[in-house]
Amino acid sequence: MPFRDKEILLTGGAGGLGALISAQLTAQGARVTVLDRVAPTQAVGYLKADLSTPEGLEAAAAAVSGKAWDIVVNLAGIQHFGPLERQSPSHLLASYMVNLVAPVRLTQAVLPAMKARGQGQIVNVGSVFGSINFAHFVTYSSAKAGLRGFSQALRRELAGTGVAVTYVAPRAVRTALNSAEVMAFAKLTHMNMDEPKLIAARIVDAIGARRRDVYFGFPESLFVRLNAIFPGLVDRALSANDRKAATLFAR
């Protein structure tokens, strides 16, 4: 088993998807420590932290630095769905803190020990939304786009150090992260949504194989490639969905 006796830090590990990933890693012999605002229900290590504030993030970075982590999985995330002007300033800042700044800062905190040992793995769980930037998911999409860029740049920086970087981008997952409005939008636009158990298994497989960049779902994975080359085509393809979404906020 690739995870036997591995020390793994998992942010957001108390949530629906996180709990499934934690359980699968533990079943394969890993020693998992969950970093989250709430305690996990499974029998794993736990570090309480609020990644949405600078103070909380610095406390988390101090708690994890210097430890001999084999793998760090940056999973924690929050989401705003709706017109940008309806997102509160505090939630906007928290979105970038949790989705982008926290993975960068926590990675910065654990890297010296990994590089000193000449081994380790940073896993950043992004989203297809980070490559196909959806209307009404502006802060979430742009933060995940930043996480994708961070992963690529970090991988190049760490070449030859023995530290691997894995970027995993699922499409929409049926979890509590989705509000009632998101679910209404998904139904209205026939958005594909995967079950958490399936995605958890695929994420664990990608980590074990030390893959570089992994995108889940078709046709979304094709749209990722098209958007990189012909963004105008994707604009037109998504315009009908954007108009449908606007009806949800017209009331």
Foldseek 3Di string as FASTA:
>chain_A
DLAAAAEEEEEPLQFDLNVLLVVVSVVVHHQYEYEYCDDHPDPHHYDHFQQQDPVRLVVVLVVPAPDQHQEYELDDAAFFFAAPVPDDPSVLSSRLRNLAVSLVSNCVRHPVNQLVVLAHEYEYEAALCCLVVDPRGNSNNVSSVNVVVVQVVVQVVCPPSHYAYAYEHEYAEPTPSDDPLNVVLCVQVVPDYHYSNVVSVVSSVCVSVSPHYYYDDPPSVVVSVCCVPPVVVSCVVCVVSVVVSVVSVPD
